[in-house]
Amino acid sequence: MLVTLAVNQTIGLGTSATYTYSPQSVQKIFVRVADADWESGTLNVQIGSKTIVNSASLWGLRLFTNMISGALPNASASKCLVIDIGSHQCISQDNLYVTLSAVNELTNVDVSAIVDEPFSGSAPIKYTEYSDNTFTATNVLTAISYDNARAVVEGDNFTCDIKTDLYSSSPNFISANSYYQSEIVGEGFWGYGGLLVKHDVPLNTSFNYNSSAVTDRILTAELMASSHAQIVKGRRTASLSRKATLSSK
């Protein structure tokens, strides 16, 4: 179900605001903001003590949203981010915390979420933005690259060495942009992102690229481990929902 955490809020220059909700599970988070320079802000999401989005730039999350939603019309002054986190089962009354930090003022802030979907199971995903040009990430599903200063990267003629337990490759960031353009469904900003990885299964993945590249950020979507309690809760919720559906017929 859709729930509202905040609506028509203003976050002042250099300040942050945290919005909370107490769900049984969380599936998606939506953030809508206005202002021409809103992309310089950051988003941090926690469920209980677990970090789901690590103060990632709104710019990087915007580029990720472009691959899963057409919610970013190029001509609109208001932009919407969609953060699909799979399904996180909340244990021990864990609350959802969504924190927006503004470099410049953010206006008309709307924060909402899809929560408590009964058949969503327990396959939690987190998003991690990396500023290092050499690092290893665990259980990677998808990774995009971009410049934090929002420069075009479609002509960024540098390679990125990528290694997993199954393969290694060294794609050029120009090729990553071609891959990104082939996958996006939102309008505009075709030249600003690169798609480096899109795994069907989660893989530990290392990245290494030249610090002289225009690209200076990589944002990954990573599968998180589910505890036994989370798995049991997800199954129990789905089972109860099925019984309720059958009994209503």
C-alpha atoms as a PDB file:
ATOM      1  CA  MET A   1       0.000   0.000   0.000  1.00  0.00           C
ATOM      2  CA  LEU A   2       1.036   3.602  -0.572  1.00  0.00           C
ATOM      3  CA  VAL A   3       1.820   5.712   2.493  1.00  0.00           C
ATOM      4  CA  THR A   4       2.923   9.325   2.883  1.00  0.00           C
ATOM      5  CA  LEU A   5       5.891  10.301   5.048  1.00  0.00           C
ATOM      6  CA  ALA A   6       6.063  13.989   4.120  1.00  0.00           C
ATOM      7  CA  VAL A   7       4.374  16.384   1.713  1.00  0.00           C
ATOM      8  CA  ASN A   8       5.203  19.924   0.503  1.00  0.00           C
ATOM      9  CA  GLN A   9       8.167  20.252   2.837  1.00  0.00           C
ATOM     10  CA  THR A  10      11.053  22.720   2.474  1.00  0.00           C
ATOM     11  CA  ILE A  11      14.591  21.728   3.462  1.00  0.00           C
ATOM     12  CA  GLY A  12      16.835  24.729   3.893  1.00  0.00           C
ATOM     13  CA  LEU A  13      20.276  25.248   2.406  1.00  0.00           C
ATOM     14  CA  GLY A  14      22.858  23.099   4.183  1.00  0.00           C
ATOM     15  CA  THR A  15      20.308  21.344   6.402  1.00  0.00           C
ATOM     16  CA  SER A  16      18.671  17.911   6.484  1.00  0.00           C
ATOM     17  CA  ALA A  17      15.319  16.426   7.415  1.00  0.00           C
ATOM     18  CA  THR A  18      14.358  12.896   8.427  1.00  0.00           C
ATOM     19  CA  TYR A  19      10.936  11.380   7.784  1.00  0.00           C
ATOM     20  CA  THR A  20       9.814   8.170   9.477  1.00  0.00           C
ATOM     21  CA  TYR A  21       7.208   5.443   9.219  1.00  0.00           C
ATOM     22  CA  SER A  22       6.518   2.218  11.127  1.00  0.00           C
ATOM     23  CA  PRO A  23       5.796  -0.528   8.553  1.00  0.00           C
ATOM     24  CA  GLN A  24       5.805  -4.304   8.639  1.00  0.00           C
ATOM     25  CA  SER A  25       7.801  -4.365   5.393  1.00  0.00           C
ATOM     26  CA  VAL A  26       9.080  -1.858   2.819  1.00  0.00           C
ATOM     27  CA  GLN A  27       9.214  -2.282  -0.979  1.00  0.00           C
ATOM     28  CA  LYS A  28       9.695   1.111  -2.661  1.00  0.00           C
ATOM     29  CA  ILE A  29      10.472   4.695  -1.716  1.00  0.00           C
ATOM     30  CA  PHE A  30       9.447   7.747  -3.746  1.00  0.00           C
ATOM     31  CA  VAL A  31      11.029  11.178  -3.372  1.00  0.00           C
ATOM     32  CA  ARG A  32       9.692  14.167  -5.310  1.00  0.00           C
ATOM     33  CA  VAL A  33      11.522  17.492  -5.141  1.00  0.00           C
ATOM     34  CA  ALA A  34      11.575  20.805  -6.973  1.00  0.00           C
ATOM     35  CA  ASP A  35      14.301  23.421  -7.672  1.00  0.00           C
ATOM     36  CA  ALA A  36      16.678  23.515 -10.602  1.00  0.00           C
ATOM     37  CA  ASP A  37      19.704  22.401  -8.563  1.00  0.00           C
ATOM     38  CA  TRP A  38      18.156  19.704  -6.373  1.00  0.00           C
ATOM     39  CA  GLU A  39      20.506  16.989  -7.721  1.00  0.00           C
ATOM     40  CA  SER A  40      23.325  18.187  -5.443  1.00  0.00           C
ATOM     41  CA  GLY A  41      21.490  16.853  -2.386  1.00  0.00           C
ATOM     42  CA  THR A  42      21.808  13.370  -0.887  1.00  0.00           C
ATOM     43  CA  LEU A  43      19.476  10.635   0.314  1.00  0.00           C
ATOM     44  CA  ASN A  44      20.035   8.262   3.220  1.00  0.00           C
ATOM     45  CA  VAL A  45      17.596   5.451   3.998  1.00  0.00           C
ATOM     46  CA  GLN A  46      17.662   3.207   7.045  1.00  0.00           C
ATOM     47  CA  ILE A  47      15.413   0.435   8.277  1.00  0.00           C
ATOM     48  CA  GLY A  48      16.162   0.054  11.935  1.00  0.00           C
ATOM     49  CA  SER A  49      19.961   0.157  12.189  1.00  0.00           C
ATOM     50  CA  LYS A  50      20.537  -1.136   8.641  1.00  0.00           C
ATOM     51  CA  THR A  51      21.556   1.314   5.934  1.00  0.00           C
ATOM     52  CA  ILE A  52      19.610   0.803   2.714  1.00  0.00           C
ATOM     53  CA  VAL A  53      20.865   3.889   0.827  1.00  0.00           C
ATOM     54  CA  ASN A  54      24.201   5.306   2.013  1.00  0.00           C
ATOM     55  CA  SER A  55      23.733   9.075   1.637  1.00  0.00           C
ATOM     56  CA  ALA A  56      23.918   8.655  -2.124  1.00  0.00           C
ATOM     57  CA  SER A  57      23.658  11.687  -4.381  1.00  0.00           C
ATOM     58  CA  LEU A  58      20.221  12.512  -5.707  1.00  0.00           C
ATOM     59  CA  TRP A  59      21.914  12.841  -9.091  1.00  0.00           C
ATOM     60  CA  GLY A  60      23.047   9.209  -9.093  1.00  0.00           C
ATOM     61  CA  LEU A  61      19.652   8.021  -7.880  1.00  0.00           C
ATOM     62  CA  ARG A  62      18.043  10.088 -10.629  1.00  0.00           C
ATOM     63  CA  LEU A  63      20.135   8.314 -13.266  1.00  0.00           C
ATOM     64  CA  PHE A  64      19.237   4.937 -11.733  1.00  0.00           C
ATOM     65  CA  THR A  65      15.551   5.856 -11.736  1.00  0.00           C
ATOM     66  CA  ASN A  66      15.838   6.577 -15.455  1.00  0.00           C
ATOM     67  CA  MET A  67      16.322   2.842 -16.046  1.00  0.00           C
ATOM     68  CA  ILE A  68      13.224   1.707 -14.162  1.00  0.00           C
ATOM     69  CA  SER A  69      10.699   4.510 -14.557  1.00  0.00           C
ATOM     70  CA  GLY A  70       9.632   7.248 -16.930  1.00  0.00           C
ATOM     71  CA  ALA A  71       9.112   9.523 -13.926  1.00  0.00           C
ATOM     72  CA  LEU A  72      11.740  12.078 -14.968  1.00  0.00           C
ATOM     73  CA  PRO A  73      10.386  14.206 -17.820  1.00  0.00           C
ATOM     74  CA  ASN A  74      13.187  16.473 -19.011  1.00  0.00           C
ATOM     75  CA  ALA A  75      11.101  19.629 -19.153  1.00  0.00           C
ATOM     76  CA  SER A  76       9.512  19.319 -15.722  1.00  0.00           C
ATOM     77  CA  ALA A  77      10.627  21.465 -12.795  1.00  0.00           C
ATOM     78  CA  SER A  78       9.608  18.719 -10.390  1.00  0.00           C
ATOM     79  CA  LYS A  79      11.440  15.394 -10.389  1.00  0.00           C
ATOM     80  CA  CYS A  80      10.578  12.047  -8.842  1.00  0.00           C
ATOM     81  CA  LEU A  81      13.026   9.404  -7.669  1.00  0.00           C
ATOM     82  CA  VAL A  82      11.996   5.759  -7.449  1.00  0.00           C
ATOM     83  CA  ILE A  83      14.093   3.590  -5.134  1.00  0.00           C
ATOM     84  CA  ASP A  84      13.114  -0.048  -5.572  1.00  0.00           C
ATOM     85  CA  ILE A  85      14.513  -1.907  -2.550  1.00  0.00           C
ATOM     86  CA  GLY A  86      13.033  -5.308  -3.275  1.00  0.00           C
ATOM     87  CA  SER A  87      11.362  -6.219   0.000  1.00  0.00           C
ATOM     88  CA  HIS A  88      12.664  -5.590   3.506  1.00  0.00           C
ATOM     89  CA  GLN A  89      10.798  -7.383   6.280  1.00  0.00           C
ATOM     90  CA  CYS A  90      10.884  -5.214   9.416  1.00  0.00           C
ATOM     91  CA  ILE A  91      11.829  -7.158  12.537  1.00  0.00           C
ATOM     92  CA  SER A  92      11.616  -5.995  16.168  1.00  0.00           C
ATOM     93  CA  GLN A  93       9.490  -2.985  15.227  1.00  0.00           C
ATOM     94  CA  ASP A  94      12.181  -1.510  12.974  1.00  0.00           C
ATOM     95  CA  ASN A  95      11.166   1.884  11.629  1.00  0.00           C
ATOM     96  CA  LEU A  96      11.844   3.328   8.194  1.00  0.00           C
ATOM     97  CA  TYR A  97      13.972   6.505   8.220  1.00  0.00           C
ATOM     98  CA  VAL A  98      14.349   8.613   5.075  1.00  0.00           C
ATOM     99  CA  THR A  99      16.827  11.501   5.395  1.00  0.00           C
ATOM    100  CA  LEU A 100      17.257  14.189   2.752  1.00  0.00           C
ATOM    101  CA  SER A 101      20.250  16.514   3.006  1.00  0.00           C
ATOM    102  CA  ALA A 102      20.165  19.722   0.985  1.00  0.00           C
ATOM    103  CA  VAL A 103      23.251  21.451  -0.377  1.00  0.00           C
ATOM    104  CA  ASN A 104      20.913  24.037  -1.855  1.00  0.00           C
ATOM    105  CA  GLU A 105      17.336  24.560  -0.720  1.00  0.00           C
ATOM    106  CA  LEU A 106      14.864  21.819  -1.611  1.00  0.00           C
ATOM    107  CA  THR A 107      11.198  22.776  -1.943  1.00  0.00           C
ATOM    108  CA  ASN A 108       7.929  20.896  -2.453  1.00  0.00           C
ATOM    109  CA  VAL A 109       9.500  17.753  -0.987  1.00  0.00           C
ATOM    110  CA  ASP A 110       7.200  14.751  -1.029  1.00  0.00           C
ATOM    111  CA  VAL A 111       8.358  11.458   0.498  1.00  0.00           C
ATOM    112  CA  SER A 112       6.207   8.359   0.186  1.00  0.00           C
ATOM    113  CA  ALA A 113       6.625   4.598   0.142  1.00  0.00           C
ATOM    114  CA  ILE A 114       5.105   1.289  -0.846  1.00  0.00           C
ATOM    115  CA  VAL A 115       4.912  -0.838   2.303  1.00  0.00           C
ATOM    116  CA  ASP A 116       3.371  -4.033   3.639  1.00  0.00           C
ATOM    117  CA  GLU A 117       2.836  -5.726   0.291  1.00  0.00           C
ATOM    118  CA  PRO A 118       1.838  -9.256   1.387  1.00  0.00           C
ATOM    119  CA  PHE A 119       3.270 -11.284  -1.507  1.00  0.00           C
ATOM    120  CA  SER A 120       6.600  -9.486  -1.819  1.00  0.00           C
ATOM    121  CA  GLY A 121       8.628 -12.050   0.131  1.00  0.00           C
ATOM    122  CA  SER A 122      12.057 -11.150   1.480  1.00  0.00           C
ATOM    123  CA  ALA A 123      14.655 -10.222  -1.136  1.00  0.00           C
ATOM    124  CA  PRO A 124      16.103  -6.976   0.252  1.00  0.00           C
ATOM    125  CA  ILE A 125      18.216  -4.669  -1.917  1.00  0.00           C
ATOM    126  CA  LYS A 126      20.450  -1.791  -0.852  1.00  0.00           C
ATOM    127  CA  TYR A 127      22.070   1.023  -2.832  1.00  0.00           C
ATOM    128  CA  THR A 128      25.670   2.079  -2.245  1.00  0.00           C
ATOM    129  CA  GLU A 129      27.433   5.005  -3.891  1.00  0.00           C
ATOM    130  CA  TYR A 130      31.228   4.618  -4.164  1.00  0.00           C
ATOM    131  CA  SER A 131      33.604   7.541  -4.691  1.00  0.00           C
ATOM    132  CA  ASP A 132      36.767   5.372  -4.707  1.00  0.00           C
ATOM    133  CA  ASN A 133      38.086   4.432  -8.133  1.00  0.00           C
ATOM    134  CA  THR A 134      39.162   0.998  -6.826  1.00  0.00           C
ATOM    135  CA  PHE A 135      36.828  -1.065  -4.641  1.00  0.00           C
ATOM    136  CA  THR A 136      34.962  -4.357  -4.260  1.00  0.00           C
ATOM    137  CA  ALA A 137      31.213  -4.576  -3.654  1.00  0.00           C
ATOM    138  CA  THR A 138      29.321  -7.654  -2.476  1.00  0.00           C
ATOM    139  CA  ASN A 139      26.288  -9.280  -4.080  1.00  0.00           C
ATOM    140  CA  VAL A 140      26.070  -6.745  -6.909  1.00  0.00           C
ATOM    141  CA  LEU A 141      23.048  -6.854  -9.194  1.00  0.00           C
ATOM    142  CA  THR A 142      23.438  -3.564 -11.083  1.00  0.00           C
ATOM    143  CA  ALA A 143      26.079  -0.826 -11.214  1.00  0.00           C
ATOM    144  CA  ILE A 144      25.941   2.525 -12.957  1.00  0.00           C
ATOM    145  CA  SER A 145      28.681   5.139 -13.369  1.00  0.00           C
ATOM    146  CA  TYR A 146      28.535   8.935 -13.655  1.00  0.00           C
ATOM    147  CA  ASP A 147      30.209  12.221 -12.739  1.00  0.00           C
ATOM    148  CA  ASN A 148      29.135  13.692  -9.405  1.00  0.00           C
ATOM    149  CA  ALA A 149      29.489  17.205 -10.852  1.00  0.00           C
ATOM    150  CA  ARG A 150      26.892  16.179 -13.470  1.00  0.00           C
ATOM    151  CA  ALA A 151      29.174  16.353 -16.506  1.00  0.00           C
ATOM    152  CA  VAL A 152      28.433  14.398 -19.682  1.00  0.00           C
ATOM    153  CA  VAL A 153      30.241  11.036 -19.755  1.00  0.00           C
ATOM    154  CA  GLU A 154      29.296   9.697 -23.191  1.00  0.00           C
ATOM    155  CA  GLY A 155      32.774  10.659 -24.461  1.00  0.00           C
ATOM    156  CA  ASP A 156      34.695   9.556 -21.334  1.00  0.00           C
ATOM    157  CA  ASN A 157      37.415   7.518 -23.078  1.00  0.00           C
ATOM    158  CA  PHE A 158      38.663   5.452 -20.139  1.00  0.00           C
ATOM    159  CA  THR A 159      38.169   1.810 -19.249  1.00  0.00           C
ATOM    160  CA  CYS A 160      36.898   0.221 -16.050  1.00  0.00           C
ATOM    161  CA  ASP A 161      38.306  -3.161 -15.031  1.00  0.00           C
ATOM    162  CA  ILE A 162      35.485  -5.321 -13.673  1.00  0.00           C
ATOM    163  CA  LYS A 163      36.052  -8.708 -12.051  1.00  0.00           C
ATOM    164  CA  THR A 164      33.737 -11.293 -10.512  1.00  0.00           C
ATOM    165  CA  ASP A 165      34.153 -14.969  -9.650  1.00  0.00           C
ATOM    166  CA  LEU A 166      32.671 -15.781 -13.063  1.00  0.00           C
ATOM    167  CA  TYR A 167      34.219 -13.282 -15.464  1.00  0.00           C
ATOM    168  CA  SER A 168      36.451 -10.259 -15.974  1.00  0.00           C
ATOM    169  CA  SER A 169      36.155  -7.452 -18.522  1.00  0.00           C
ATOM    170  CA  SER A 170      37.392  -3.916 -19.177  1.00  0.00           C
ATOM    171  CA  PRO A 171      34.582  -1.941 -20.810  1.00  0.00           C
ATOM    172  CA  ASN A 172      35.130   1.641 -21.904  1.00  0.00           C
ATOM    173  CA  PHE A 173      32.935   4.253 -20.211  1.00  0.00           C
ATOM    174  CA  ILE A 174      31.779   5.228 -23.707  1.00  0.00           C
ATOM    175  CA  SER A 175      30.502   1.663 -24.171  1.00  0.00           C
ATOM    176  CA  ALA A 176      28.912   1.822 -20.709  1.00  0.00           C
ATOM    177  CA  ASN A 177      27.002   4.887 -21.866  1.00  0.00           C
ATOM    178  CA  SER A 178      25.786   3.005 -24.949  1.00  0.00           C
ATOM    179  CA  TYR A 179      24.553   0.218 -22.663  1.00  0.00           C
ATOM    180  CA  TYR A 180      22.893   2.781 -20.373  1.00  0.00           C
ATOM    181  CA  GLN A 181      21.130   4.478 -23.276  1.00  0.00           C
ATOM    182  CA  SER A 182      19.786   1.117 -24.439  1.00  0.00           C
ATOM    183  CA  GLU A 183      18.215   0.447 -21.023  1.00  0.00           C
ATOM    184  CA  ILE A 184      16.716   3.778 -19.945  1.00  0.00           C
ATOM    185  CA  VAL A 185      12.996   4.407 -20.129  1.00  0.00           C
ATOM    186  CA  GLY A 186      12.938   7.960 -18.778  1.00  0.00           C
ATOM    187  CA  GLU A 187      13.345  10.997 -20.999  1.00  0.00           C
ATOM    188  CA  GLY A 188      16.579  12.966 -21.340  1.00  0.00           C
ATOM    189  CA  PHE A 189      20.043  12.746 -19.768  1.00  0.00           C
ATOM    190  CA  TRP A 190      21.116   9.986 -22.153  1.00  0.00           C
ATOM    191  CA  GLY A 191      24.763  11.099 -22.117  1.00  0.00           C
ATOM    192  CA  TYR A 192      25.202  11.336 -18.367  1.00  0.00           C
ATOM    193  CA  GLY A 193      25.293   7.737 -17.143  1.00  0.00           C
ATOM    194  CA  GLY A 194      26.999   4.453 -17.831  1.00  0.00           C
ATOM    195  CA  LEU A 195      25.691   0.949 -17.174  1.00  0.00           C
ATOM    196  CA  LEU A 196      28.632  -1.222 -16.123  1.00  0.00           C
ATOM    197  CA  VAL A 197      26.919  -4.274 -14.674  1.00  0.00           C
ATOM    198  CA  LYS A 198      23.502  -5.890 -14.883  1.00  0.00           C
ATOM    199  CA  HIS A 199      23.713  -9.355 -13.305  1.00  0.00           C
ATOM    200  CA  ASP A 200      20.939 -11.923 -13.243  1.00  0.00           C
ATOM    201  CA  VAL A 201      22.410 -13.260  -9.991  1.00  0.00           C
ATOM    202  CA  PRO A 202      24.233 -11.344  -7.232  1.00  0.00           C
ATOM    203  CA  LEU A 203      28.013 -11.436  -7.617  1.00  0.00           C
ATOM    204  CA  ASN A 204      30.879  -9.994  -5.599  1.00  0.00           C
ATOM    205  CA  THR A 205      32.313  -7.478  -8.043  1.00  0.00           C
ATOM    206  CA  SER A 206      35.488  -5.387  -8.080  1.00  0.00           C
ATOM    207  CA  PHE A 207      35.860  -2.132 -10.021  1.00  0.00           C
ATOM    208  CA  ASN A 208      39.060  -0.301 -10.973  1.00  0.00           C
ATOM    209  CA  TYR A 209      39.272   2.775 -13.207  1.00  0.00           C
ATOM    210  CA  ASN A 210      41.650   5.674 -13.842  1.00  0.00           C
ATOM    211  CA  SER A 211      41.212   8.655 -11.530  1.00  0.00           C
ATOM    212  CA  SER A 212      41.684  10.949 -14.546  1.00  0.00           C
ATOM    213  CA  ALA A 213      38.320   9.838 -15.953  1.00  0.00           C
ATOM    214  CA  VAL A 214      35.407  12.256 -15.966  1.00  0.00           C
ATOM    215  CA  THR A 215      33.477   9.489 -14.234  1.00  0.00           C
ATOM    216  CA  ASP A 216      34.034   9.625 -10.465  1.00  0.00           C
ATOM    217  CA  ARG A 217      31.093   7.750  -8.945  1.00  0.00           C
ATOM    218  CA  ILE A 218      29.639   4.248  -9.165  1.00  0.00           C
ATOM    219  CA  LEU A 219      26.242   3.418  -7.669  1.00  0.00           C
ATOM    220  CA  THR A 220      25.463  -0.238  -7.046  1.00  0.00           C
ATOM    221  CA  ALA A 221      22.280  -2.130  -6.258  1.00  0.00           C
ATOM    222  CA  GLU A 222      23.273  -5.031  -3.988  1.00  0.00           C
ATOM    223  CA  LEU A 223      21.275  -7.954  -2.659  1.00  0.00           C
ATOM    224  CA  MET A 224      21.285  -8.066   1.137  1.00  0.00           C
ATOM    225  CA  ALA A 225      21.148 -11.208   3.208  1.00  0.00           C
ATOM    226  CA  SER A 226      17.820 -12.057   4.838  1.00  0.00           C
ATOM    227  CA  SER A 227      17.787 -13.300   8.404  1.00  0.00           C
ATOM    228  CA  HIS A 228      15.836 -16.425   9.319  1.00  0.00           C
ATOM    229  CA  ALA A 229      13.280 -14.250  11.105  1.00  0.00           C
ATOM    230  CA  GLN A 230      12.786 -12.105   7.983  1.00  0.00           C
ATOM    231  CA  ILE A 231      12.291 -15.156   5.753  1.00  0.00           C
ATOM    232  CA  VAL A 232       9.790 -16.683   8.178  1.00  0.00           C
ATOM    233  CA  LYS A 233       7.889 -13.404   8.472  1.00  0.00           C
ATOM    234  CA  GLY A 234       7.703 -12.971   4.683  1.00  0.00           C
ATOM    235  CA  ARG A 235       6.366 -16.490   4.208  1.00  0.00           C
ATOM    236  CA  ARG A 236       3.874 -16.166   7.059  1.00  0.00           C
ATOM    237  CA  THR A 237       2.508 -12.885   5.700  1.00  0.00           C
ATOM    238  CA  ALA A 238       2.090 -14.351   2.213  1.00  0.00           C
ATOM    239  CA  SER A 239       0.377 -17.440   3.626  1.00  0.00           C
ATOM    240  CA  LEU A 240      -2.087 -15.399   5.690  1.00  0.00           C
ATOM    241  CA  SER A 241      -2.839 -13.214   2.678  1.00  0.00           C
ATOM    242  CA  ARG A 242      -3.556 -16.245   0.493  1.00  0.00           C
ATOM    243  CA  LYS A 243      -5.919 -17.683   3.124  1.00  0.00           C
ATOM    244  CA  ALA A 244      -7.705 -14.353   3.414  1.00  0.00           C
ATOM    245  CA  THR A 245      -8.095 -14.156  -0.358  1.00  0.00           C
ATOM    246  CA  LEU A 246      -9.490 -17.691  -0.600  1.00  0.00           C
ATOM    247  CA  SER A 247     -11.903 -17.211   2.310  1.00  0.00           C
ATOM    248  CA  SER A 248     -13.361 -14.073   0.683  1.00  0.00           C
ATOM    249  CA  LYS A 249     -14.361 -15.978  -2.459  1.00  0.00           C
END
